[in-house]
Amino acid sequence: MLEHMKRTSLQHSDLPSWLDASLAHAPMFDSSSSPEARVTFIDAEGGFFLKRAGLGTLKREVELTRFFHARGLATEVLRYEQDTTRKCDWMLTRRLPGEDCTATQYMEQPERLVELMAERLTLLHTMPTDGCPVPNHTSRYLTRAEAGQRIGRADPSFFTNMFGLASLDEIRRVIDERRQLLHTDTLLHGDYCLPNIILDNWQFSGFVDLDSGGVGDRHVDVFWALWTLRFNFHTDQYDDRFLDAYGRDHVNLDTLPLIAAIEVFG
């Protein structure tokens, strides 16, 4: 894990005042993957992740991570604080043992990885949804896409890379004509990609980056699984293997273009 991170030097003033001194003075590495949040790996006592983002923006992720942790599916949130002075959120979690699925150990055995990924998703999608802090992912999902259309936020590649060339008007039409296919009955990761699944020598360790999760339509996770396999292996040759291992009887092929269309504006 550490070879993929950049060593970063942080001033003590850049850290929350409540952080234990043994952690505050430990080696730190930048593991940020988006400009919206700064994620620092603290190399002490097995490892911790300290995430900082805009005030109030981590609340959903914290709630979902706690929900998944209670079911043995994610790490523990050790501390969450809304820092009104600095106008930011802090979230401290313990590092899960192992590496994410983009590690060489796993990428060198794509067939095994694809089947494990599909089987793990099947298990997730059979989990009870009672008590999930995001009981209607579908409504939020559509609302975000509608907002994207209004402000002109669009990345057509989410649709065209999988389903062929289409104009934005044609992609919008897919949403309008198929939105009734969506269900709200399955516990989702919401961003089911290889970097968000942690394995410890091929044993499932947990999920990370759960802020897009909730109770929604299973095809959201199926779409992202197919997307990440194509993105990371630069081929679509594993689509059928994944769908077979997940269970084709659980997949409506008419719904996948709908999910892709929503993601264009999401």
C-alpha atoms as a PDB file:
ATOM      1  CA  MET A   1       0.000   0.000   0.000  1.00  0.00           C
ATOM      2  CA  LEU A   2       2.659   2.514   0.976  1.00  0.00           C
ATOM      3  CA  GLU A   3       4.505   2.352  -2.344  1.00  0.00           C
ATOM      4  CA  HIS A   4       1.488   3.984  -4.000  1.00  0.00           C
ATOM      5  CA  MET A   5       1.397   6.876  -1.535  1.00  0.00           C
ATOM      6  CA  LYS A   6       3.366  10.089  -1.451  1.00  0.00           C
ATOM      7  CA  ARG A   7       5.157  10.980   1.752  1.00  0.00           C
ATOM      8  CA  THR A   8       3.601  14.188   3.017  1.00  0.00           C
ATOM      9  CA  SER A   9       4.710  16.569   5.715  1.00  0.00           C
ATOM     10  CA  LEU A  10       1.916  18.060   7.792  1.00  0.00           C
ATOM     11  CA  GLN A  11       2.200  20.789  10.363  1.00  0.00           C
ATOM     12  CA  HIS A  12       0.623  19.994  13.708  1.00  0.00           C
ATOM     13  CA  SER A  13      -1.748  22.889  13.056  1.00  0.00           C
ATOM     14  CA  ASP A  14      -3.074  20.960  10.010  1.00  0.00           C
ATOM     15  CA  LEU A  15      -4.280  18.149  12.265  1.00  0.00           C
ATOM     16  CA  PRO A  16      -7.293  18.032  14.586  1.00  0.00           C
ATOM     17  CA  SER A  17      -6.457  18.944  18.169  1.00  0.00           C
ATOM     18  CA  TRP A  18      -7.946  15.697  19.476  1.00  0.00           C
ATOM     19  CA  LEU A  19      -5.567  13.457  17.506  1.00  0.00           C
ATOM     20  CA  ASP A  20      -3.427  11.387  19.863  1.00  0.00           C
ATOM     21  CA  ALA A  21       0.211  12.515  20.003  1.00  0.00           C
ATOM     22  CA  SER A  22       1.452   9.051  19.024  1.00  0.00           C
ATOM     23  CA  LEU A  23      -0.455   9.428  15.757  1.00  0.00           C
ATOM     24  CA  ALA A  24       0.213  13.122  15.215  1.00  0.00           C
ATOM     25  CA  HIS A  25       3.984  12.513  15.174  1.00  0.00           C
ATOM     26  CA  ALA A  26       3.932   9.268  13.168  1.00  0.00           C
ATOM     27  CA  PRO A  27       5.003   9.050   9.482  1.00  0.00           C
ATOM     28  CA  MET A  28       2.236  10.245   7.183  1.00  0.00           C
ATOM     29  CA  PHE A  29       1.456   9.630   3.520  1.00  0.00           C
ATOM     30  CA  ASP A  30      -0.968  11.290   1.123  1.00  0.00           C
ATOM     31  CA  SER A  31      -3.560   8.801  -0.128  1.00  0.00           C
ATOM     32  CA  SER A  32      -6.062  11.315  -1.518  1.00  0.00           C
ATOM     33  CA  SER A  33      -7.933  10.241  -4.637  1.00  0.00           C
ATOM     34  CA  SER A  34     -10.100  13.303  -5.269  1.00  0.00           C
ATOM     35  CA  PRO A  35      -9.794  17.075  -4.867  1.00  0.00           C
ATOM     36  CA  GLU A  36     -12.883  17.178  -2.636  1.00  0.00           C
ATOM     37  CA  ALA A  37     -11.136  15.524   0.304  1.00  0.00           C
ATOM     38  CA  ARG A  38      -7.665  15.137   1.749  1.00  0.00           C
ATOM     39  CA  VAL A  39      -6.915  11.632   2.992  1.00  0.00           C
ATOM     40  CA  THR A  40      -3.797  11.044   5.066  1.00  0.00           C
ATOM     41  CA  PHE A  41      -2.456   7.598   5.920  1.00  0.00           C
ATOM     42  CA  ILE A  42      -0.915   7.541   9.403  1.00  0.00           C
ATOM     43  CA  ASP A  43       1.706   4.806   9.639  1.00  0.00           C
ATOM     44  CA  ALA A  44       1.341   3.745  13.272  1.00  0.00           C
ATOM     45  CA  GLU A  45      -0.155   0.797  15.156  1.00  0.00           C
ATOM     46  CA  GLY A  46      -1.275  -0.970  11.986  1.00  0.00           C
ATOM     47  CA  GLY A  47      -2.329   2.193  10.221  1.00  0.00           C
ATOM     48  CA  PHE A  48      -5.071   4.801  10.294  1.00  0.00           C
ATOM     49  CA  PHE A  49      -6.737   7.042   7.729  1.00  0.00           C
ATOM     50  CA  LEU A  50      -7.562  10.646   8.547  1.00  0.00           C
ATOM     51  CA  LYS A  51      -9.975  12.239   6.106  1.00  0.00           C
ATOM     52  CA  ARG A  52     -10.692  15.960   5.891  1.00  0.00           C
ATOM     53  CA  ALA A  53     -13.423  17.495   3.721  1.00  0.00           C
ATOM     54  CA  GLY A  54     -15.867  20.391   3.698  1.00  0.00           C
ATOM     55  CA  LEU A  55     -18.049  20.993   6.732  1.00  0.00           C
ATOM     56  CA  GLY A  56     -20.890  18.475   6.840  1.00  0.00           C
ATOM     57  CA  THR A  57     -19.803  16.584   3.718  1.00  0.00           C
ATOM     58  CA  LEU A  58     -18.569  13.440   5.490  1.00  0.00           C
ATOM     59  CA  LYS A  59     -21.699  12.832   7.566  1.00  0.00           C
ATOM     60  CA  ARG A  60     -23.277  10.469   5.030  1.00  0.00           C
ATOM     61  CA  GLU A  61     -20.066   8.465   4.623  1.00  0.00           C
ATOM     62  CA  VAL A  62     -19.648   8.181   8.390  1.00  0.00           C
ATOM     63  CA  GLU A  63     -23.203   6.912   8.863  1.00  0.00           C
ATOM     64  CA  LEU A  64     -22.893   4.365   6.070  1.00  0.00           C
ATOM     65  CA  THR A  65     -19.456   3.197   7.208  1.00  0.00           C
ATOM     66  CA  ARG A  66     -20.802   2.620  10.708  1.00  0.00           C
ATOM     67  CA  PHE A  67     -23.782   0.728   9.277  1.00  0.00           C
ATOM     68  CA  PHE A  68     -21.528  -1.481   7.139  1.00  0.00           C
ATOM     69  CA  HIS A  69     -19.039  -1.962  10.005  1.00  0.00           C
ATOM     70  CA  ALA A  70     -21.802  -3.267  12.268  1.00  0.00           C
ATOM     71  CA  ARG A  71     -22.368  -5.980   9.651  1.00  0.00           C
ATOM     72  CA  GLY A  72     -18.691  -6.879   9.306  1.00  0.00           C
ATOM     73  CA  LEU A  73     -18.338  -5.163   5.937  1.00  0.00           C
ATOM     74  CA  ALA A  74     -16.212  -2.087   6.676  1.00  0.00           C
ATOM     75  CA  THR A  75     -13.707  -0.582   9.056  1.00  0.00           C
ATOM     76  CA  GLU A  76     -14.581   1.160  12.300  1.00  0.00           C
ATOM     77  CA  VAL A  77     -15.073   4.915  12.452  1.00  0.00           C
ATOM     78  CA  LEU A  78     -12.960   5.850  15.467  1.00  0.00           C
ATOM     79  CA  ARG A  79     -13.897   9.514  15.465  1.00  0.00           C
ATOM     80  CA  TYR A  80     -16.022  11.949  13.485  1.00  0.00           C
ATOM     81  CA  GLU A  81     -16.021  15.658  14.143  1.00  0.00           C
ATOM     82  CA  GLN A  82     -17.563  18.676  12.467  1.00  0.00           C
ATOM     83  CA  ASP A  83     -14.972  21.408  13.003  1.00  0.00           C
ATOM     84  CA  THR A  84     -16.869  24.686  12.763  1.00  0.00           C
ATOM     85  CA  THR A  85     -13.715  26.725  13.420  1.00  0.00           C
ATOM     86  CA  ARG A  86     -11.900  25.360  10.367  1.00  0.00           C
ATOM     87  CA  LYS A  87     -15.150  24.756   8.499  1.00  0.00           C
ATOM     88  CA  CYS A  88     -14.322  21.117   7.808  1.00  0.00           C
ATOM     89  CA  ASP A  89     -15.188  17.558   8.760  1.00  0.00           C
ATOM     90  CA  TRP A  90     -12.702  15.062  10.172  1.00  0.00           C
ATOM     91  CA  MET A  91     -13.083  11.275  10.036  1.00  0.00           C
ATOM     92  CA  LEU A  92     -10.568   8.879  11.581  1.00  0.00           C
ATOM     93  CA  THR A  93     -10.722   5.193  10.652  1.00  0.00           C
ATOM     94  CA  ARG A  94      -8.512   2.190  11.208  1.00  0.00           C
ATOM     95  CA  ARG A  95      -6.774   0.690   8.179  1.00  0.00           C
ATOM     96  CA  LEU A  96      -8.255  -2.596   7.031  1.00  0.00           C
ATOM     97  CA  PRO A  97      -5.712  -5.421   6.681  1.00  0.00           C
ATOM     98  CA  GLY A  98      -4.653  -6.161   3.119  1.00  0.00           C
ATOM     99  CA  GLU A  99      -4.649  -4.231  -0.151  1.00  0.00           C
ATOM    100  CA  ASP A 100      -7.266  -3.007  -2.561  1.00  0.00           C
ATOM    101  CA  CYS A 101      -8.070  -5.061  -5.644  1.00  0.00           C
ATOM    102  CA  THR A 102      -5.782  -3.055  -7.935  1.00  0.00           C
ATOM    103  CA  ALA A 103      -2.752  -4.551  -6.163  1.00  0.00           C
ATOM    104  CA  THR A 104      -0.508  -6.613  -8.445  1.00  0.00           C
ATOM    105  CA  GLN A 105      -1.272  -9.793  -6.503  1.00  0.00           C
ATOM    106  CA  TYR A 106      -4.909  -9.601  -7.602  1.00  0.00           C
ATOM    107  CA  MET A 107      -4.572  -8.003 -11.026  1.00  0.00           C
ATOM    108  CA  GLU A 108      -2.277 -10.849 -12.099  1.00  0.00           C
ATOM    109  CA  GLN A 109      -5.170 -13.300 -11.709  1.00  0.00           C
ATOM    110  CA  PRO A 110      -8.073 -11.515 -13.417  1.00  0.00           C
ATOM    111  CA  GLU A 111     -10.412 -14.504 -13.739  1.00  0.00           C
ATOM    112  CA  ARG A 112     -10.143 -15.305 -10.048  1.00  0.00           C
ATOM    113  CA  LEU A 113     -10.567 -11.639  -9.144  1.00  0.00           C
ATOM    114  CA  VAL A 114     -13.644 -11.204 -11.343  1.00  0.00           C
ATOM    115  CA  GLU A 115     -15.372 -14.203  -9.810  1.00  0.00           C
ATOM    116  CA  LEU A 116     -14.535 -13.158  -6.262  1.00  0.00           C
ATOM    117  CA  MET A 117     -15.779  -9.646  -6.979  1.00  0.00           C
ATOM    118  CA  ALA A 118     -19.065 -10.999  -8.356  1.00  0.00           C
ATOM    119  CA  GLU A 119     -19.575 -13.435  -5.487  1.00  0.00           C
ATOM    120  CA  ARG A 120     -18.900 -10.714  -2.921  1.00  0.00           C
ATOM    121  CA  LEU A 121     -21.439  -8.439  -4.622  1.00  0.00           C
ATOM    122  CA  THR A 122     -24.024 -11.219  -4.607  1.00  0.00           C
ATOM    123  CA  LEU A 123     -23.539 -11.564  -0.851  1.00  0.00           C
ATOM    124  CA  LEU A 124     -23.833  -7.809  -0.312  1.00  0.00           C
ATOM    125  CA  HIS A 125     -27.056  -7.678  -2.306  1.00  0.00           C
ATOM    126  CA  THR A 126     -28.662 -10.317  -0.078  1.00  0.00           C
ATOM    127  CA  MET A 127     -27.957  -8.367   3.130  1.00  0.00           C
ATOM    128  CA  PRO A 128     -30.953  -7.008   5.082  1.00  0.00           C
ATOM    129  CA  THR A 129     -31.558  -3.303   4.530  1.00  0.00           C
ATOM    130  CA  ASP A 130     -33.261  -2.591   7.867  1.00  0.00           C
ATOM    131  CA  GLY A 131     -31.824   0.454   9.590  1.00  0.00           C
ATOM    132  CA  CYS A 132     -29.795   1.700   6.640  1.00  0.00           C
ATOM    133  CA  PRO A 133     -29.232   5.454   7.109  1.00  0.00           C
ATOM    134  CA  VAL A 134     -29.911   6.029   3.387  1.00  0.00           C
ATOM    135  CA  PRO A 135     -33.218   4.212   2.821  1.00  0.00           C
ATOM    136  CA  ASN A 136     -33.906   5.699  -0.631  1.00  0.00           C
ATOM    137  CA  HIS A 137     -30.742   5.892  -2.714  1.00  0.00           C
ATOM    138  CA  THR A 138     -32.857   5.872  -5.896  1.00  0.00           C
ATOM    139  CA  SER A 139     -34.537   9.207  -5.232  1.00  0.00           C
ATOM    140  CA  ARG A 140     -31.226  10.937  -4.490  1.00  0.00           C
ATOM    141  CA  TYR A 141     -29.639   9.250  -7.504  1.00  0.00           C
ATOM    142  CA  LEU A 142     -32.259  10.605  -9.907  1.00  0.00           C
ATOM    143  CA  THR A 143     -32.293  14.032  -8.270  1.00  0.00           C
ATOM    144  CA  ARG A 144     -28.543  14.399  -8.762  1.00  0.00           C
ATOM    145  CA  ALA A 145     -28.845  13.449 -12.435  1.00  0.00           C
ATOM    146  CA  GLU A 146     -31.644  15.965 -12.924  1.00  0.00           C
ATOM    147  CA  ALA A 147     -29.474  18.651 -11.339  1.00  0.00           C
ATOM    148  CA  GLY A 148     -26.623  17.679 -13.651  1.00  0.00           C
ATOM    149  CA  GLN A 149     -28.841  18.127 -16.675  1.00  0.00           C
ATOM    150  CA  ARG A 150     -29.936  21.579 -15.503  1.00  0.00           C
ATOM    151  CA  ILE A 151     -26.406  22.897 -14.977  1.00  0.00           C
ATOM    152  CA  GLY A 152     -24.870  21.180 -17.996  1.00  0.00           C
ATOM    153  CA  ARG A 153     -22.758  18.664 -16.062  1.00  0.00           C
ATOM    154  CA  ALA A 154     -22.240  15.674 -18.336  1.00  0.00           C
ATOM    155  CA  ASP A 155     -19.690  12.992 -19.166  1.00  0.00           C
ATOM    156  CA  PRO A 156     -21.162  10.961 -22.044  1.00  0.00           C
ATOM    157  CA  SER A 157     -18.319   8.425 -21.893  1.00  0.00           C
ATOM    158  CA  PHE A 158     -20.113   6.601 -19.070  1.00  0.00           C
ATOM    159  CA  PHE A 159     -22.738   5.672 -21.657  1.00  0.00           C
ATOM    160  CA  THR A 160     -20.878   5.638 -24.950  1.00  0.00           C
ATOM    161  CA  ASN A 161     -17.951   3.484 -23.789  1.00  0.00           C
ATOM    162  CA  MET A 162     -20.336   0.664 -22.956  1.00  0.00           C
ATOM    163  CA  PHE A 163     -23.334   1.138 -25.242  1.00  0.00           C
ATOM    164  CA  GLY A 164     -22.012   2.983 -28.279  1.00  0.00           C
ATOM    165  CA  LEU A 165     -22.247   6.491 -29.648  1.00  0.00           C
ATOM    166  CA  ALA A 166     -25.236   8.572 -28.572  1.00  0.00           C
ATOM    167  CA  SER A 167     -26.042  12.259 -28.286  1.00  0.00           C
ATOM    168  CA  LEU A 168     -26.856  13.836 -24.933  1.00  0.00           C
ATOM    169  CA  ASP A 169     -30.482  14.147 -26.059  1.00  0.00           C
ATOM    170  CA  GLU A 170     -30.583  10.424 -26.800  1.00  0.00           C
ATOM    171  CA  ILE A 171     -29.042   9.662 -23.424  1.00  0.00           C
ATOM    172  CA  ARG A 172     -31.618  11.870 -21.689  1.00  0.00           C
ATOM    173  CA  ARG A 173     -34.337   9.969 -23.503  1.00  0.00           C
ATOM    174  CA  VAL A 174     -33.054   6.701 -22.049  1.00  0.00           C
ATOM    175  CA  ILE A 175     -33.597   8.134 -18.565  1.00  0.00           C
ATOM    176  CA  ASP A 176     -37.066   9.450 -19.386  1.00  0.00           C
ATOM    177  CA  GLU A 177     -38.228   6.210 -20.998  1.00  0.00           C
ATOM    178  CA  ARG A 178     -36.732   3.702 -18.548  1.00  0.00           C
ATOM    179  CA  ARG A 179     -36.665   5.331 -15.121  1.00  0.00           C
ATOM    180  CA  GLN A 180     -39.626   3.201 -14.021  1.00  0.00           C
ATOM    181  CA  LEU A 181     -37.305   0.177 -14.158  1.00  0.00           C
ATOM    182  CA  LEU A 182     -35.485   1.340 -11.019  1.00  0.00           C
ATOM    183  CA  HIS A 183     -36.142  -0.394  -7.708  1.00  0.00           C
ATOM    184  CA  THR A 184     -35.258   0.544  -4.139  1.00  0.00           C
ATOM    185  CA  ASP A 185     -34.807  -2.823  -2.480  1.00  0.00           C
ATOM    186  CA  THR A 186     -31.095  -3.695  -2.315  1.00  0.00           C
ATOM    187  CA  LEU A 187     -28.185  -2.664  -0.089  1.00  0.00           C
ATOM    188  CA  LEU A 188     -25.657  -0.949  -2.366  1.00  0.00           C
ATOM    189  CA  HIS A 189     -22.035   0.015  -2.112  1.00  0.00           C
ATOM    190  CA  GLY A 190     -22.772   2.681  -4.716  1.00  0.00           C
ATOM    191  CA  ASP A 191     -19.238   2.841  -6.146  1.00  0.00           C
ATOM    192  CA  TYR A 192     -18.393  -0.825  -6.525  1.00  0.00           C
ATOM    193  CA  CYS A 193     -14.941  -0.462  -8.071  1.00  0.00           C
ATOM    194  CA  LEU A 194     -11.722  -2.422  -7.581  1.00  0.00           C
ATOM    195  CA  PRO A 195      -9.986   0.238  -5.412  1.00  0.00           C
ATOM    196  CA  ASN A 196     -12.924   0.183  -2.982  1.00  0.00           C
ATOM    197  CA  ILE A 197     -12.700  -3.532  -2.166  1.00  0.00           C
ATOM    198  CA  ILE A 198      -9.973  -4.605   0.273  1.00  0.00           C
ATOM    199  CA  LEU A 199      -8.656  -8.164   0.264  1.00  0.00           C
ATOM    200  CA  ASP A 200      -6.156  -9.750   2.621  1.00  0.00           C
ATOM    201  CA  ASN A 201      -4.454 -12.526   0.647  1.00  0.00           C
ATOM    202  CA  TRP A 202      -7.701 -13.129  -1.288  1.00  0.00           C
ATOM    203  CA  GLN A 203      -9.856 -13.033   1.842  1.00  0.00           C
ATOM    204  CA  PHE A 204     -12.451 -10.260   2.008  1.00  0.00           C
ATOM    205  CA  SER A 205     -11.391  -7.592   4.470  1.00  0.00           C
ATOM    206  CA  GLY A 206     -13.969  -4.857   3.871  1.00  0.00           C
ATOM    207  CA  PHE A 207     -15.305  -2.052   1.716  1.00  0.00           C
ATOM    208  CA  VAL A 208     -14.097   1.560   1.691  1.00  0.00           C
ATOM    209  CA  ASP A 209     -15.464   4.841   0.280  1.00  0.00           C
ATOM    210  CA  LEU A 210     -19.089   4.146   1.120  1.00  0.00           C
ATOM    211  CA  ASP A 211     -20.508   7.650   0.708  1.00  0.00           C
ATOM    212  CA  SER A 212     -22.505   6.633  -2.390  1.00  0.00           C
ATOM    213  CA  GLY A 213     -24.207   3.678  -0.714  1.00  0.00           C
ATOM    214  CA  GLY A 214     -27.749   3.114   0.472  1.00  0.00           C
ATOM    215  CA  VAL A 215     -30.851   1.125  -0.373  1.00  0.00           C
ATOM    216  CA  GLY A 216     -31.397   1.298  -4.104  1.00  0.00           C
ATOM    217  CA  ASP A 217     -31.269  -0.604  -7.376  1.00  0.00           C
ATOM    218  CA  ARG A 218     -28.750  -3.455  -7.652  1.00  0.00           C
ATOM    219  CA  HIS A 219     -27.869  -2.441 -11.216  1.00  0.00           C
ATOM    220  CA  VAL A 220     -25.953   0.572  -9.881  1.00  0.00           C
ATOM    221  CA  ASP A 221     -23.349  -1.759  -8.392  1.00  0.00           C
ATOM    222  CA  VAL A 222     -23.447  -4.106 -11.388  1.00  0.00           C
ATOM    223  CA  PHE A 223     -22.772  -1.180 -13.727  1.00  0.00           C
ATOM    224  CA  TRP A 224     -19.801   0.035 -11.692  1.00  0.00           C
ATOM    225  CA  ALA A 225     -18.396  -3.488 -11.469  1.00  0.00           C
ATOM    226  CA  LEU A 226     -18.454  -3.811 -15.269  1.00  0.00           C
ATOM    227  CA  TRP A 227     -17.071  -0.289 -15.631  1.00  0.00           C
ATOM    228  CA  THR A 228     -14.124  -0.873 -13.286  1.00  0.00           C
ATOM    229  CA  LEU A 229     -13.206  -4.179 -14.925  1.00  0.00           C
ATOM    230  CA  ARG A 230     -13.115  -2.511 -18.333  1.00  0.00           C
ATOM    231  CA  PHE A 231     -11.216   0.490 -16.978  1.00  0.00           C
ATOM    232  CA  ASN A 232      -8.576  -1.456 -15.074  1.00  0.00           C
ATOM    233  CA  PHE A 233      -8.064  -4.336 -17.508  1.00  0.00           C
ATOM    234  CA  HIS A 234      -8.594  -2.287 -20.699  1.00  0.00           C
ATOM    235  CA  THR A 235     -10.950  -4.889 -22.149  1.00  0.00           C
ATOM    236  CA  ASP A 236     -14.578  -5.994 -22.012  1.00  0.00           C
ATOM    237  CA  GLN A 237     -13.664  -9.681 -22.085  1.00  0.00           C
ATOM    238  CA  TYR A 238     -14.558 -10.184 -18.418  1.00  0.00           C
ATOM    239  CA  ASP A 239     -18.144  -8.903 -18.682  1.00  0.00           C
ATOM    240  CA  ASP A 240     -19.671 -12.328 -19.272  1.00  0.00           C
ATOM    241  CA  ARG A 241     -17.605 -14.004 -16.563  1.00  0.00           C
ATOM    242  CA  PHE A 242     -18.730 -11.379 -14.054  1.00  0.00           C
ATOM    243  CA  LEU A 243     -22.408 -11.600 -15.023  1.00  0.00           C
ATOM    244  CA  ASP A 244     -22.341 -15.403 -14.907  1.00  0.00           C
ATOM    245  CA  ALA A 245     -20.735 -15.401 -11.450  1.00  0.00           C
ATOM    246  CA  TYR A 246     -23.086 -12.704 -10.133  1.00  0.00           C
ATOM    247  CA  GLY A 247     -26.165 -14.410 -11.576  1.00  0.00           C
ATOM    248  CA  ARG A 248     -27.672 -13.344 -14.878  1.00  0.00           C
ATOM    249  CA  ASP A 249     -31.164 -14.039 -13.577  1.00  0.00           C
ATOM    250  CA  HIS A 250     -30.687 -11.040 -11.251  1.00  0.00           C
ATOM    251  CA  VAL A 251     -29.685  -8.656 -14.059  1.00  0.00           C
ATOM    252  CA  ASN A 252     -32.075  -6.809 -16.370  1.00  0.00           C
ATOM    253  CA  LEU A 253     -30.013  -5.854 -19.405  1.00  0.00           C
ATOM    254  CA  ASP A 254     -32.496  -3.052 -20.159  1.00  0.00           C
ATOM    255  CA  THR A 255     -31.640  -1.400 -16.838  1.00  0.00           C
ATOM    256  CA  LEU A 256     -27.875  -1.180 -17.359  1.00  0.00           C
ATOM    257  CA  PRO A 257     -28.149   1.491 -20.122  1.00  0.00           C
ATOM    258  CA  LEU A 258     -30.416   3.446 -17.767  1.00  0.00           C
ATOM    259  CA  ILE A 259     -27.781   3.398 -15.023  1.00  0.00           C
ATOM    260  CA  ALA A 260     -25.108   4.451 -17.520  1.00  0.00           C
ATOM    261  CA  ALA A 261     -27.319   7.320 -18.694  1.00  0.00           C
ATOM    262  CA  ILE A 262     -27.904   8.521 -15.132  1.00  0.00           C
ATOM    263  CA  GLU A 263     -24.168   8.412 -14.427  1.00  0.00           C
ATOM    264  CA  VAL A 264     -23.557  10.679 -17.430  1.00  0.00           C
ATOM    265  CA  PHE A 265     -25.251  13.493 -15.518  1.00  0.00           C
ATOM    266  CA  GLY A 266     -24.468  12.322 -11.972  1.00  0.00           C
END
